[in-house]
Amino acid sequence: MYIGKAAQLSGTTVKGIRHYEEIGLLPKPKRKGKYRTYSLQSVEILTFIKCAQKLGFKLKELQVILSHHHGKKFPWELAQKAIAEKKAELLSQISALQQLYDGLVALENNPGECPCGAAF
């Protein structure tokens, strides 16, 4: 399929696909004359990239995973490891945000006392 169809099926843009190729997230496609052609496997990779980005992955993080994919089987073991690491990172952020929230509630309920121990 051509780049426009691959973009449509994966929910990305033609410009995005070209960028992913340029930075090595997507292998260079085969060509049919002057046109790039994409396989269903390419669409699956593009869909994974789009989904992972929406879930907080940066392109640099995806490069680590996808650098091990060049026409071979998708590196799900690396992806699973990266997902586990991202989940742990998010849990840490949630905990830190919860502490901030609790501090704000305490300050709101007792404006004369700083919950972090500082004196007014």
PDB file of N, CA and C in Angstrom:
ATOM      1  N   MET A   1       0.847  -1.175   0.000  1.00  0.00           N
ATOM      2  CA  MET A   1       0.000   0.000   0.000  1.00  0.00           C
ATOM      3  C   MET A   1       0.886   1.230   0.000  1.00  0.00           C
ATOM      4  N   TYR A   2       0.325   2.336  -0.446  1.00  0.00           N
ATOM      5  CA  TYR A   2       1.077   3.576  -0.504  1.00  0.00           C
ATOM      6  C   TYR A   2       1.012   4.307   0.832  1.00  0.00           C
ATOM      7  N   ILE A   3       1.845   5.335   0.968  1.00  0.00           N
ATOM      8  CA  ILE A   3       2.020   6.030   2.236  1.00  0.00           C
ATOM      9  C   ILE A   3       0.717   6.642   2.771  1.00  0.00           C
ATOM     10  N   GLY A   4      -0.122   7.157   1.891  1.00  0.00           N
ATOM     11  CA  GLY A   4      -1.382   7.754   2.328  1.00  0.00           C
ATOM     12  C   GLY A   4      -2.295   6.741   3.000  1.00  0.00           C
ATOM     13  N   LYS A   5      -2.367   5.555   2.428  1.00  0.00           N
ATOM     14  CA  LYS A   5      -3.195   4.486   3.000  1.00  0.00           C
ATOM     15  C   LYS A   5      -2.610   4.012   4.331  1.00  0.00           C
ATOM     16  N   ALA A   6      -1.286   3.875   4.393  1.00  0.00           N
ATOM     17  CA  ALA A   6      -0.632   3.465   5.641  1.00  0.00           C
ATOM     18  C   ALA A   6      -0.892   4.497   6.738  1.00  0.00           C
ATOM     19  N   ALA A   7      -0.852   5.767   6.380  1.00  0.00           N
ATOM     20  CA  ALA A   7      -1.124   6.832   7.344  1.00  0.00           C
ATOM     21  C   ALA A   7      -2.564   6.747   7.842  1.00  0.00           C
ATOM     22  N   GLN A   8      -3.473   6.554   6.915  1.00  0.00           N
ATOM     23  CA  GLN A   8      -4.894   6.469   7.266  1.00  0.00           C
ATOM     24  C   GLN A   8      -5.167   5.275   8.188  1.00  0.00           C
ATOM     25  N   LEU A   9      -4.639   4.118   7.858  1.00  0.00           N
ATOM     26  CA  LEU A   9      -4.887   2.912   8.643  1.00  0.00           C
ATOM     27  C   LEU A   9      -4.254   2.967  10.032  1.00  0.00           C
ATOM     28  N   SER A  10      -3.128   3.672  10.151  1.00  0.00           N
ATOM     29  CA  SER A  10      -2.406   3.709  11.430  1.00  0.00           C
ATOM     30  C   SER A  10      -2.763   4.919  12.292  1.00  0.00           C
ATOM     31  N   GLY A  11      -3.498   5.855  11.721  1.00  0.00           N
ATOM     32  CA  GLY A  11      -3.864   7.049  12.477  1.00  0.00           C
ATOM     33  C   GLY A  11      -2.737   8.070  12.575  1.00  0.00           C
ATOM     34  N   THR A  12      -1.762   7.955  11.688  1.00  0.00           N
ATOM     35  CA  THR A  12      -0.663   8.920  11.659  1.00  0.00           C
ATOM     36  C   THR A  12      -0.809   9.795  10.425  1.00  0.00           C
ATOM     37  N   THR A  13       0.181  10.614  10.208  1.00  0.00           N
ATOM     38  CA  THR A  13       0.176  11.465   9.018  1.00  0.00           C
ATOM     39  C   THR A  13       1.314  11.027   8.096  1.00  0.00           C
ATOM     40  N   VAL A  14       1.222  11.429   6.861  1.00  0.00           N
ATOM     41  CA  VAL A  14       2.292  11.150   5.896  1.00  0.00           C
ATOM     42  C   VAL A  14       3.587  11.785   6.395  1.00  0.00           C
ATOM     43  N   LYS A  15       3.498  13.015   6.877  1.00  0.00           N
ATOM     44  CA  LYS A  15       4.673  13.708   7.404  1.00  0.00           C
ATOM     45  C   LYS A  15       5.252  12.937   8.589  1.00  0.00           C
ATOM     46  N   GLY A  16       4.387  12.427   9.464  1.00  0.00           N
ATOM     47  CA  GLY A  16       4.840  11.646  10.611  1.00  0.00           C
ATOM     48  C   GLY A  16       5.572  10.388  10.186  1.00  0.00           C
ATOM     49  N   ILE A  17       5.030   9.692   9.200  1.00  0.00           N
ATOM     50  CA  ILE A  17       5.669   8.467   8.708  1.00  0.00           C
ATOM     51  C   ILE A  17       7.057   8.772   8.173  1.00  0.00           C
ATOM     52  N   ARG A  18       7.170   9.832   7.404  1.00  0.00           N
ATOM     53  CA  ARG A  18       8.484  10.201   6.855  1.00  0.00           C
ATOM     54  C   ARG A  18       9.469  10.533   7.980  1.00  0.00           C
ATOM     55  N   HIS A  19       8.967  11.202   9.019  1.00  0.00           N
ATOM     56  CA  HIS A  19       9.816  11.522  10.165  1.00  0.00           C
ATOM     57  C   HIS A  19      10.266  10.249  10.886  1.00  0.00           C
ATOM     58  N   TYR A  20       9.341   9.322  11.098  1.00  0.00           N
ATOM     59  CA  TYR A  20       9.685   8.061  11.766  1.00  0.00           C
ATOM     60  C   TYR A  20      10.746   7.293  10.976  1.00  0.00           C
ATOM     61  N   GLU A  21      10.638   7.325   9.657  1.00  0.00           N
ATOM     62  CA  GLU A  21      11.654   6.676   8.817  1.00  0.00           C
ATOM     63  C   GLU A  21      13.001   7.376   8.988  1.00  0.00           C
ATOM     64  N   GLU A  22      12.965   8.698   9.000  1.00  0.00           N
ATOM     65  CA  GLU A  22      14.184   9.498   9.088  1.00  0.00           C
ATOM     66  C   GLU A  22      14.938   9.245  10.397  1.00  0.00           C
ATOM     67  N   ILE A  23      14.211   9.057  11.506  1.00  0.00           N
ATOM     68  CA  ILE A  23      14.875   8.864  12.803  1.00  0.00           C
ATOM     69  C   ILE A  23      15.045   7.388  13.153  1.00  0.00           C
ATOM     70  N   GLY A  24      14.673   6.506  12.231  1.00  0.00           N
ATOM     71  CA  GLY A  24      14.942   5.083  12.410  1.00  0.00           C
ATOM     72  C   GLY A  24      13.889   4.283  13.163  1.00  0.00           C
ATOM     73  N   LEU A  25      12.721   4.873  13.391  1.00  0.00           N
ATOM     74  CA  LEU A  25      11.651   4.116  14.052  1.00  0.00           C
ATOM     75  C   LEU A  25      10.993   3.127  13.098  1.00  0.00           C
ATOM     76  N   LEU A  26      10.985   3.474  11.855  1.00  0.00           N
ATOM     77  CA  LEU A  26      10.355   2.633  10.836  1.00  0.00           C
ATOM     78  C   LEU A  26      11.384   2.349   9.755  1.00  0.00           C
ATOM     79  N   PRO A  27      11.560   1.081   9.395  1.00  0.00           N
ATOM     80  CA  PRO A  27      12.522   0.768   8.334  1.00  0.00           C
ATOM     81  C   PRO A  27      12.144   1.451   7.024  1.00  0.00           C
ATOM     82  N   LYS A  28      13.135   1.752   6.239  1.00  0.00           N
ATOM     83  CA  LYS A  28      12.872   2.348   4.926  1.00  0.00           C
ATOM     84  C   LYS A  28      11.972   1.404   4.128  1.00  0.00           C
ATOM     85  N   PRO A  29      10.932   1.941   3.510  1.00  0.00           N
ATOM     86  CA  PRO A  29      10.009   1.083   2.777  1.00  0.00           C
ATOM     87  C   PRO A  29      10.553   0.669   1.413  1.00  0.00           C
ATOM     88  N   LYS A  30       9.942  -0.361   0.891  1.00  0.00           N
ATOM     89  CA  LYS A  30      10.259  -0.750  -0.489  1.00  0.00           C
ATOM     90  C   LYS A  30       9.666   0.312  -1.393  1.00  0.00           C
ATOM     91  N   ARG A  31      10.102   0.300  -2.624  1.00  0.00           N
ATOM     92  CA  ARG A  31       9.586   1.283  -3.579  1.00  0.00           C
ATOM     93  C   ARG A  31       8.995   0.579  -4.786  1.00  0.00           C
ATOM     94  N   LYS A  32       7.975   1.194  -5.297  1.00  0.00           N
ATOM     95  CA  LYS A  32       7.354   0.752  -6.539  1.00  0.00           C
ATOM     96  C   LYS A  32       7.457   1.963  -7.459  1.00  0.00           C
ATOM     97  N   GLY A  33       8.511   1.962  -8.262  1.00  0.00           N
ATOM     98  CA  GLY A  33       8.803   3.157  -9.049  1.00  0.00           C
ATOM     99  C   GLY A  33       9.284   4.230  -8.096  1.00  0.00           C
ATOM    100  N   LYS A  34       8.645   5.393  -8.149  1.00  0.00           N
ATOM    101  CA  LYS A  34       9.052   6.475  -7.248  1.00  0.00           C
ATOM    102  C   LYS A  34       8.207   6.512  -5.973  1.00  0.00           C
ATOM    103  N   TYR A  35       7.273   5.574  -5.818  1.00  0.00           N
ATOM    104  CA  TYR A  35       6.378   5.567  -4.670  1.00  0.00           C
ATOM    105  C   TYR A  35       6.836   4.582  -3.591  1.00  0.00           C
ATOM    106  N   ARG A  36       6.698   5.006  -2.349  1.00  0.00           N
ATOM    107  CA  ARG A  36       6.989   4.133  -1.220  1.00  0.00           C
ATOM    108  C   ARG A  36       5.816   3.187  -1.024  1.00  0.00           C
ATOM    109  N   THR A  37       6.116   1.931  -0.734  1.00  0.00           N
ATOM    110  CA  THR A  37       5.039   0.978  -0.455  1.00  0.00           C
ATOM    111  C   THR A  37       5.248   0.392   0.941  1.00  0.00           C
ATOM    112  N   TYR A  38       4.150   0.188   1.622  1.00  0.00           N
ATOM    113  CA  TYR A  38       4.174  -0.257   3.014  1.00  0.00           C
ATOM    114  C   TYR A  38       3.391  -1.548   3.173  1.00  0.00           C
ATOM    115  N   SER A  39       3.853  -2.364   4.105  1.00  0.00           N
ATOM    116  CA  SER A  39       3.197  -3.642   4.395  1.00  0.00           C
ATOM    117  C   SER A  39       2.274  -3.467   5.600  1.00  0.00           C
ATOM    118  N   LEU A  40       1.504  -4.502   5.859  1.00  0.00           N
ATOM    119  CA  LEU A  40       0.666  -4.491   7.060  1.00  0.00           C
ATOM    120  C   LEU A  40       1.531  -4.452   8.315  1.00  0.00           C
ATOM    121  N   GLN A  41       2.711  -5.057   8.250  1.00  0.00           N
ATOM    122  CA  GLN A  41       3.631  -5.012   9.385  1.00  0.00           C
ATOM    123  C   GLN A  41       4.049  -3.559   9.667  1.00  0.00           C
ATOM    124  N   SER A  42       4.259  -2.778   8.630  1.00  0.00           N
ATOM    125  CA  SER A  42       4.587  -1.359   8.800  1.00  0.00           C
ATOM    126  C   SER A  42       3.450  -0.620   9.479  1.00  0.00           C
ATOM    127  N   VAL A  43       2.227  -0.936   9.077  1.00  0.00           N
ATOM    128  CA  VAL A  43       1.052  -0.302   9.681  1.00  0.00           C
ATOM    129  C   VAL A  43       0.964  -0.680  11.165  1.00  0.00           C
ATOM    130  N   GLU A  44       1.279  -1.929  11.496  1.00  0.00           N
ATOM    131  CA  GLU A  44       1.260  -2.361  12.901  1.00  0.00           C
ATOM    132  C   GLU A  44       2.294  -1.592  13.713  1.00  0.00           C
ATOM    133  N   ILE A  45       3.475  -1.396  13.153  1.00  0.00           N
ATOM    134  CA  ILE A  45       4.518  -0.634  13.841  1.00  0.00           C
ATOM    135  C   ILE A  45       4.071   0.819  14.027  1.00  0.00           C
ATOM    136  N   LEU A  46       3.515   1.394  12.977  1.00  0.00           N
ATOM    137  CA  LEU A  46       3.025   2.772  13.063  1.00  0.00           C
ATOM    138  C   LEU A  46       1.926   2.905  14.111  1.00  0.00           C
ATOM    139  N   THR A  47       1.039   1.944  14.170  1.00  0.00           N
ATOM    140  CA  THR A  47      -0.042   1.959  15.160  1.00  0.00           C
ATOM    141  C   THR A  47       0.535   1.846  16.568  1.00  0.00           C
ATOM    142  N   PHE A  48       1.533   0.978  16.741  1.00  0.00           N
ATOM    143  CA  PHE A  48       2.204   0.848  18.037  1.00  0.00           C
ATOM    144  C   PHE A  48       2.833   2.181  18.439  1.00  0.00           C
ATOM    145  N   ILE A  49       3.528   2.833  17.514  1.00  0.00           N
ATOM    146  CA  ILE A  49       4.177   4.121  17.796  1.00  0.00           C
ATOM    147  C   ILE A  49       3.142   5.135  18.251  1.00  0.00           C
ATOM    148  N   LYS A  50       2.059   5.239  17.505  1.00  0.00           N
ATOM    149  CA  LYS A  50       1.010   6.217  17.813  1.00  0.00           C
ATOM    150  C   LYS A  50       0.401   5.943  19.187  1.00  0.00           C
ATOM    151  N   CYS A  51       0.095   4.694  19.465  1.00  0.00           N
ATOM    152  CA  CYS A  51      -0.490   4.310  20.746  1.00  0.00           C
ATOM    153  C   CYS A  51       0.488   4.591  21.887  1.00  0.00           C
ATOM    154  N   ALA A  52       1.738   4.185  21.712  1.00  0.00           N
ATOM    155  CA  ALA A  52       2.745   4.374  22.755  1.00  0.00           C
ATOM    156  C   ALA A  52       2.958   5.858  23.055  1.00  0.00           C
ATOM    157  N   GLN A  53       2.930   6.684  22.021  1.00  0.00           N
ATOM    158  CA  GLN A  53       3.071   8.123  22.235  1.00  0.00           C
ATOM    159  C   GLN A  53       1.910   8.666  23.066  1.00  0.00           C
ATOM    160  N   LYS A  54       0.710   8.226  22.756  1.00  0.00           N
ATOM    161  CA  LYS A  54      -0.464   8.674  23.515  1.00  0.00           C
ATOM    162  C   LYS A  54      -0.382   8.235  24.972  1.00  0.00           C
ATOM    163  N   LEU A  55       0.349   7.150  25.243  1.00  0.00           N
ATOM    164  CA  LEU A  55       0.471   6.626  26.598  1.00  0.00           C
ATOM    165  C   LEU A  55       1.730   7.135  27.304  1.00  0.00           C
ATOM    166  N   GLY A  56       2.383   8.130  26.732  1.00  0.00           N
ATOM    167  CA  GLY A  56       3.472   8.804  27.418  1.00  0.00           C
ATOM    168  C   GLY A  56       4.879   8.470  26.977  1.00  0.00           C
ATOM    169  N   PHE A  57       5.040   7.620  25.975  1.00  0.00           N
ATOM    170  CA  PHE A  57       6.380   7.306  25.506  1.00  0.00           C
ATOM    171  C   PHE A  57       6.896   8.420  24.612  1.00  0.00           C
ATOM    172  N   LYS A  58       8.152   8.733  24.770  1.00  0.00           N
ATOM    173  CA  LYS A  58       8.810   9.689  23.897  1.00  0.00           C
ATOM    174  C   LYS A  58       9.431   8.923  22.730  1.00  0.00           C
ATOM    175  N   LEU A  59       9.648   9.619  21.628  1.00  0.00           N
ATOM    176  CA  LEU A  59      10.208   8.963  20.453  1.00  0.00           C
ATOM    177  C   LEU A  59      11.573   8.344  20.752  1.00  0.00           C
ATOM    178  N   LYS A  60      12.375   8.985  21.593  1.00  0.00           N
ATOM    179  CA  LYS A  60      13.689   8.430  21.957  1.00  0.00           C
ATOM    180  C   LYS A  60      13.523   7.077  22.642  1.00  0.00           C
ATOM    181  N   GLU A  61      12.499   6.942  23.498  1.00  0.00           N
ATOM    182  CA  GLU A  61      12.247   5.672  24.174  1.00  0.00           C
ATOM    183  C   GLU A  61      11.829   4.603  23.170  1.00  0.00           C
ATOM    184  N   LEU A  62      11.040   5.011  22.196  1.00  0.00           N
ATOM    185  CA  LEU A  62      10.588   4.065  21.172  1.00  0.00           C
ATOM    186  C   LEU A  62      11.740   3.650  20.256  1.00  0.00           C
ATOM    187  N   GLN A  63      12.707   4.540  20.063  1.00  0.00           N
ATOM    188  CA  GLN A  63      13.866   4.188  19.244  1.00  0.00           C
ATOM    189  C   GLN A  63      14.628   3.020  19.857  1.00  0.00           C
ATOM    190  N   VAL A  64      14.716   2.989  21.184  1.00  0.00           N
ATOM    191  CA  VAL A  64      15.418   1.887  21.858  1.00  0.00           C
ATOM    192  C   VAL A  64      14.723   0.562  21.559  1.00  0.00           C
ATOM    193  N   ILE A  65      13.407   0.573  21.600  1.00  0.00           N
ATOM    194  CA  ILE A  65      12.636  -0.651  21.339  1.00  0.00           C
ATOM    195  C   ILE A  65      12.725  -1.042  19.872  1.00  0.00           C
ATOM    196  N   LEU A  66      12.447  -0.093  19.009  1.00  0.00           N
ATOM    197  CA  LEU A  66      12.311  -0.401  17.583  1.00  0.00           C
ATOM    198  C   LEU A  66      13.643  -0.507  16.853  1.00  0.00           C
ATOM    199  N   SER A  67      14.737  -0.126  17.490  1.00  0.00           N
ATOM    200  CA  SER A  67      16.034  -0.281  16.837  1.00  0.00           C
ATOM    201  C   SER A  67      16.384  -1.756  16.652  1.00  0.00           C
ATOM    202  N   HIS A  68      15.697  -2.625  17.380  1.00  0.00           N
ATOM    203  CA  HIS A  68      15.928  -4.070  17.275  1.00  0.00           C
ATOM    204  C   HIS A  68      14.970  -4.729  16.281  1.00  0.00           C
ATOM    205  N   HIS A  69      14.235  -3.912  15.538  1.00  0.00           N
ATOM    206  CA  HIS A  69      13.258  -4.444  14.592  1.00  0.00           C
ATOM    207  C   HIS A  69      13.615  -4.000  13.185  1.00  0.00           C
ATOM    208  N   HIS A  70      14.074  -4.925  12.402  1.00  0.00           N
ATOM    209  CA  HIS A  70      14.380  -4.621  10.998  1.00  0.00           C
ATOM    210  C   HIS A  70      13.883  -5.774  10.145  1.00  0.00           C
ATOM    211  N   GLY A  71      12.588  -5.830   9.985  1.00  0.00           N
ATOM    212  CA  GLY A  71      12.003  -6.884   9.174  1.00  0.00           C
ATOM    213  C   GLY A  71      11.839  -8.193   9.907  1.00  0.00           C
ATOM    214  N   LYS A  72      12.332  -8.232  11.132  1.00  0.00           N
ATOM    215  CA  LYS A  72      12.196  -9.445  11.926  1.00  0.00           C
ATOM    216  C   LYS A  72      10.927  -9.357  12.765  1.00  0.00           C
ATOM    217  N   LYS A  73      10.793 -10.318  13.642  1.00  0.00           N
ATOM    218  CA  LYS A  73       9.669 -10.342  14.569  1.00  0.00           C
ATOM    219  C   LYS A  73       9.704  -9.095  15.452  1.00  0.00           C
ATOM    220  N   PHE A  74       8.537  -8.533  15.734  1.00  0.00           N
ATOM    221  CA  PHE A  74       8.445  -7.336  16.567  1.00  0.00           C
ATOM    222  C   PHE A  74       9.055  -7.624  17.940  1.00  0.00           C
ATOM    223  N   PRO A  75       9.873  -6.719  18.471  1.00  0.00           N
ATOM    224  CA  PRO A  75      10.561  -6.969  19.750  1.00  0.00           C
ATOM    225  C   PRO A  75       9.654  -6.776  20.967  1.00  0.00           C
ATOM    226  N   TRP A  76       8.692  -7.672  21.121  1.00  0.00           N
ATOM    227  CA  TRP A  76       7.721  -7.534  22.213  1.00  0.00           C
ATOM    228  C   TRP A  76       8.357  -7.638  23.590  1.00  0.00           C
ATOM    229  N   GLU A  77       9.437  -8.410  23.717  1.00  0.00           N
ATOM    230  CA  GLU A  77      10.095  -8.519  25.031  1.00  0.00           C
ATOM    231  C   GLU A  77      10.633  -7.151  25.466  1.00  0.00           C
ATOM    232  N   LEU A  78      11.273  -6.451  24.551  1.00  0.00           N
ATOM    233  CA  LEU A  78      11.758  -5.104  24.860  1.00  0.00           C
ATOM    234  C   LEU A  78      10.605  -4.149  25.132  1.00  0.00           C
ATOM    235  N   ALA A  79       9.547  -4.274  24.351  1.00  0.00           N
ATOM    236  CA  ALA A  79       8.377  -3.418  24.546  1.00  0.00           C
ATOM    237  C   ALA A  79       7.763  -3.663  25.923  1.00  0.00           C
ATOM    238  N   GLN A  80       7.645  -4.934  26.315  1.00  0.00           N
ATOM    239  CA  GLN A  80       7.072  -5.267  27.624  1.00  0.00           C
ATOM    240  C   GLN A  80       7.928  -4.689  28.748  1.00  0.00           C
ATOM    241  N   LYS A  81       9.240  -4.768  28.598  1.00  0.00           N
ATOM    242  CA  LYS A  81      10.155  -4.221  29.609  1.00  0.00           C
ATOM    243  C   LYS A  81       9.978  -2.701  29.706  1.00  0.00           C
ATOM    244  N   ALA A  82       9.913  -2.038  28.570  1.00  0.00           N
ATOM    245  CA  ALA A  82       9.740  -0.582  28.543  1.00  0.00           C
ATOM    246  C   ALA A  82       8.392  -0.178  29.132  1.00  0.00           C
ATOM    247  N   ILE A  83       7.357  -0.971  28.858  1.00  0.00           N
ATOM    248  CA  ILE A  83       6.033  -0.692  29.419  1.00  0.00           C
ATOM    249  C   ILE A  83       6.067  -0.820  30.941  1.00  0.00           C
ATOM    250  N   ALA A  84       6.711  -1.868  31.448  1.00  0.00           N
ATOM    251  CA  ALA A  84       6.825  -2.058  32.898  1.00  0.00           C
ATOM    252  C   ALA A  84       7.577  -0.885  33.536  1.00  0.00           C
ATOM    253  N   GLU A  85       8.650  -0.445  32.894  1.00  0.00           N
ATOM    254  CA  GLU A  85       9.415   0.696  33.411  1.00  0.00           C
ATOM    255  C   GLU A  85       8.577   1.965  33.401  1.00  0.00           C
ATOM    256  N   LYS A  86       7.807   2.171  32.349  1.00  0.00           N
ATOM    257  CA  LYS A  86       6.954   3.359  32.250  1.00  0.00           C
ATOM    258  C   LYS A  86       5.877   3.329  33.327  1.00  0.00           C
ATOM    259  N   LYS A  87       5.314   2.145  33.591  1.00  0.00           N
ATOM    260  CA  LYS A  87       4.304   2.021  34.647  1.00  0.00           C
ATOM    261  C   LYS A  87       4.904   2.359  36.013  1.00  0.00           C
ATOM    262  N   ALA A  88       6.106   1.874  36.285  1.00  0.00           N
ATOM    263  CA  ALA A  88       6.766   2.166  37.564  1.00  0.00           C
ATOM    264  C   ALA A  88       7.037   3.670  37.700  1.00  0.00           C
ATOM    265  N   GLU A  89       7.473   4.274  36.615  1.00  0.00           N
ATOM    266  CA  GLU A  89       7.724   5.719  36.603  1.00  0.00           C
ATOM    267  C   GLU A  89       6.432   6.482  36.901  1.00  0.00           C
ATOM    268  N   LEU A  90       5.334   6.062  36.286  1.00  0.00           N
ATOM    269  CA  LEU A  90       4.051   6.722  36.512  1.00  0.00           C
ATOM    270  C   LEU A  90       3.571   6.546  37.949  1.00  0.00           C
ATOM    271  N   LEU A  91       3.757   5.360  38.517  1.00  0.00           N
ATOM    272  CA  LEU A  91       3.365   5.143  39.914  1.00  0.00           C
ATOM    273  C   LEU A  91       4.148   6.063  40.845  1.00  0.00           C
ATOM    274  N   SER A  92       5.412   6.262  40.561  1.00  0.00           N
ATOM    275  CA  SER A  92       6.234   7.166  41.357  1.00  0.00           C
ATOM    276  C   SER A  92       5.717   8.602  41.236  1.00  0.00           C
ATOM    277  N   GLN A  93       5.376   9.000  40.035  1.00  0.00           N
ATOM    278  CA  GLN A  93       4.838  10.349  39.817  1.00  0.00           C
ATOM    279  C   GLN A  93       3.488  10.517  40.507  1.00  0.00           C
ATOM    280  N   ILE A  94       2.656   9.496  40.448  1.00  0.00           N
ATOM    281  CA  ILE A  94       1.348   9.546  41.107  1.00  0.00           C
ATOM    282  C   ILE A  94       1.535   9.719  42.609  1.00  0.00           C
ATOM    283  N   SER A  95       2.471   8.982  43.187  1.00  0.00           N
ATOM    284  CA  SER A  95       2.742   9.080  44.619  1.00  0.00           C
ATOM    285  C   SER A  95       3.200  10.485  44.993  1.00  0.00           C
ATOM    286  N   ALA A  96       4.118  11.044  44.208  1.00  0.00           N
ATOM    287  CA  ALA A  96       4.615  12.395  44.476  1.00  0.00           C
ATOM    288  C   ALA A  96       3.495  13.419  44.347  1.00  0.00           C
ATOM    289  N   LEU A  97       2.657  13.270  43.339  1.00  0.00           N
ATOM    290  CA  LEU A  97       1.530  14.192  43.157  1.00  0.00           C
ATOM    291  C   LEU A  97       0.511  14.050  44.281  1.00  0.00           C
ATOM    292  N   GLN A  98       0.305  12.835  44.759  1.00  0.00           N
ATOM    293  CA  GLN A  98      -0.623  12.615  45.865  1.00  0.00           C
ATOM    294  C   GLN A  98      -0.118  13.317  47.120  1.00  0.00           C
ATOM    295  N   GLN A  99       1.188  13.258  47.356  1.00  0.00           N
ATOM    296  CA  GLN A  99       1.762  13.947  48.511  1.00  0.00           C
ATOM    297  C   GLN A  99       1.579  15.459  48.391  1.00  0.00           C
ATOM    298  N   LEU A 100       1.785  15.998  47.205  1.00  0.00           N
ATOM    299  CA  LEU A 100       1.557  17.433  46.989  1.00  0.00           C
ATOM    300  C   LEU A 100       0.097  17.798  47.227  1.00  0.00           C
ATOM    301  N   TYR A 101      -0.790  16.976  46.705  1.00  0.00           N
ATOM    302  CA  TYR A 101      -2.220  17.220  46.868  1.00  0.00           C
ATOM    303  C   TYR A 101      -2.598  17.197  48.348  1.00  0.00           C
ATOM    304  N   ASP A 102      -2.120  16.184  49.062  1.00  0.00           N
ATOM    305  CA  ASP A 102      -2.421  16.074  50.493  1.00  0.00           C
ATOM    306  C   ASP A 102      -1.887  17.296  51.251  1.00  0.00           C
ATOM    307  N   GLY A 103      -0.715  17.771  50.864  1.00  0.00           N
ATOM    308  CA  GLY A 103      -0.155  18.970  51.483  1.00  0.00           C
ATOM    309  C   GLY A 103      -1.011  20.193  51.230  1.00  0.00           C
ATOM    310  N   LEU A 104      -1.521  20.323  50.018  1.00  0.00           N
ATOM    311  CA  LEU A 104      -2.401  21.453  49.699  1.00  0.00           C
ATOM    312  C   LEU A 104      -3.701  21.390  50.501  1.00  0.00           C
ATOM    313  N   VAL A 105      -4.254  20.201  50.637  1.00  0.00           N
ATOM    314  CA  VAL A 105      -5.481  20.028  51.423  1.00  0.00           C
ATOM    315  C   VAL A 105      -5.214  20.408  52.879  1.00  0.00           C
ATOM    316  N   ALA A 106      -4.083  19.958  53.426  1.00  0.00           N
ATOM    317  CA  ALA A 106      -3.737  20.286  54.813  1.00  0.00           C
ATOM    318  C   ALA A 106      -3.553  21.791  54.980  1.00  0.00           C
ATOM    319  N   LEU A 107      -2.883  22.434  54.027  1.00  0.00           N
ATOM    320  CA  LEU A 107      -2.677  23.879  54.090  1.00  0.00           C
ATOM    321  C   LEU A 107      -4.006  24.619  53.972  1.00  0.00           C
ATOM    322  N   GLU A 108      -4.867  24.132  53.113  1.00  0.00           N
ATOM    323  CA  GLU A 108      -6.186  24.737  52.936  1.00  0.00           C
ATOM    324  C   GLU A 108      -7.005  24.638  54.219  1.00  0.00           C
ATOM    325  N   ASN A 109      -6.931  23.483  54.881  1.00  0.00           N
ATOM    326  CA  ASN A 109      -7.717  23.253  56.102  1.00  0.00           C
ATOM    327  C   ASN A 109      -7.126  23.944  57.313  1.00  0.00           C
ATOM    328  N   ASN A 110      -5.850  24.224  57.307  1.00  0.00           N
ATOM    329  CA  ASN A 110      -5.210  24.876  58.435  1.00  0.00           C
ATOM    330  C   ASN A 110      -4.189  25.876  57.897  1.00  0.00           C
ATOM    331  N   PRO A 111      -4.660  27.054  57.433  1.00  0.00           N
ATOM    332  CA  PRO A 111      -3.780  28.007  56.759  1.00  0.00           C
ATOM    333  C   PRO A 111      -2.624  28.537  57.597  1.00  0.00           C
ATOM    334  N   GLY A 112      -2.700  28.433  58.896  1.00  0.00           N
ATOM    335  CA  GLY A 112      -1.635  28.953  59.761  1.00  0.00           C
ATOM    336  C   GLY A 112      -0.467  28.005  59.925  1.00  0.00           C
ATOM    337  N   GLU A 113      -0.613  26.781  59.489  1.00  0.00           N
ATOM    338  CA  GLU A 113       0.457  25.797  59.633  1.00  0.00           C
ATOM    339  C   GLU A 113       0.845  25.230  58.276  1.00  0.00           C
ATOM    340  N   CYS A 114       2.113  25.289  57.995  1.00  0.00           N
ATOM    341  CA  CYS A 114       2.602  24.719  56.725  1.00  0.00           C
ATOM    342  C   CYS A 114       2.821  23.222  56.914  1.00  0.00           C
ATOM    343  N   PRO A 115       2.188  22.381  56.111  1.00  0.00           N
ATOM    344  CA  PRO A 115       2.338  20.930  56.256  1.00  0.00           C
ATOM    345  C   PRO A 115       3.735  20.420  55.925  1.00  0.00           C
ATOM    346  N   CYS A 116       4.552  21.279  55.310  1.00  0.00           N
ATOM    347  CA  CYS A 116       5.905  20.829  54.953  1.00  0.00           C
ATOM    348  C   CYS A 116       6.930  21.205  56.022  1.00  0.00           C
ATOM    349  N   GLY A 117       6.468  21.796  57.147  1.00  0.00           N
ATOM    350  CA  GLY A 117       7.355  22.073  58.264  1.00  0.00           C
ATOM    351  C   GLY A 117       7.944  23.469  58.278  1.00  0.00           C
ATOM    352  N   ALA A 118       7.718  24.253  57.256  1.00  0.00           N
ATOM    353  CA  ALA A 118       8.252  25.626  57.242  1.00  0.00           C
ATOM    354  C   ALA A 118       7.395  26.517  58.138  1.00  0.00           C
ATOM    355  N   ALA A 119       8.017  27.487  58.736  1.00  0.00           N
ATOM    356  CA  ALA A 119       7.279  28.426  59.611  1.00  0.00           C
ATOM    357  C   ALA A 119       6.865  29.645  58.815  1.00  0.00           C
ATOM    358  N   PHE A 120       5.716  30.185  59.184  1.00  0.00           N
ATOM    359  CA  PHE A 120       5.240  31.435  58.544  1.00  0.00           C
ATOM    360  C   PHE A 120       5.722  32.623  59.316  1.00  0.00           C
TER     361      PHE A 120
END
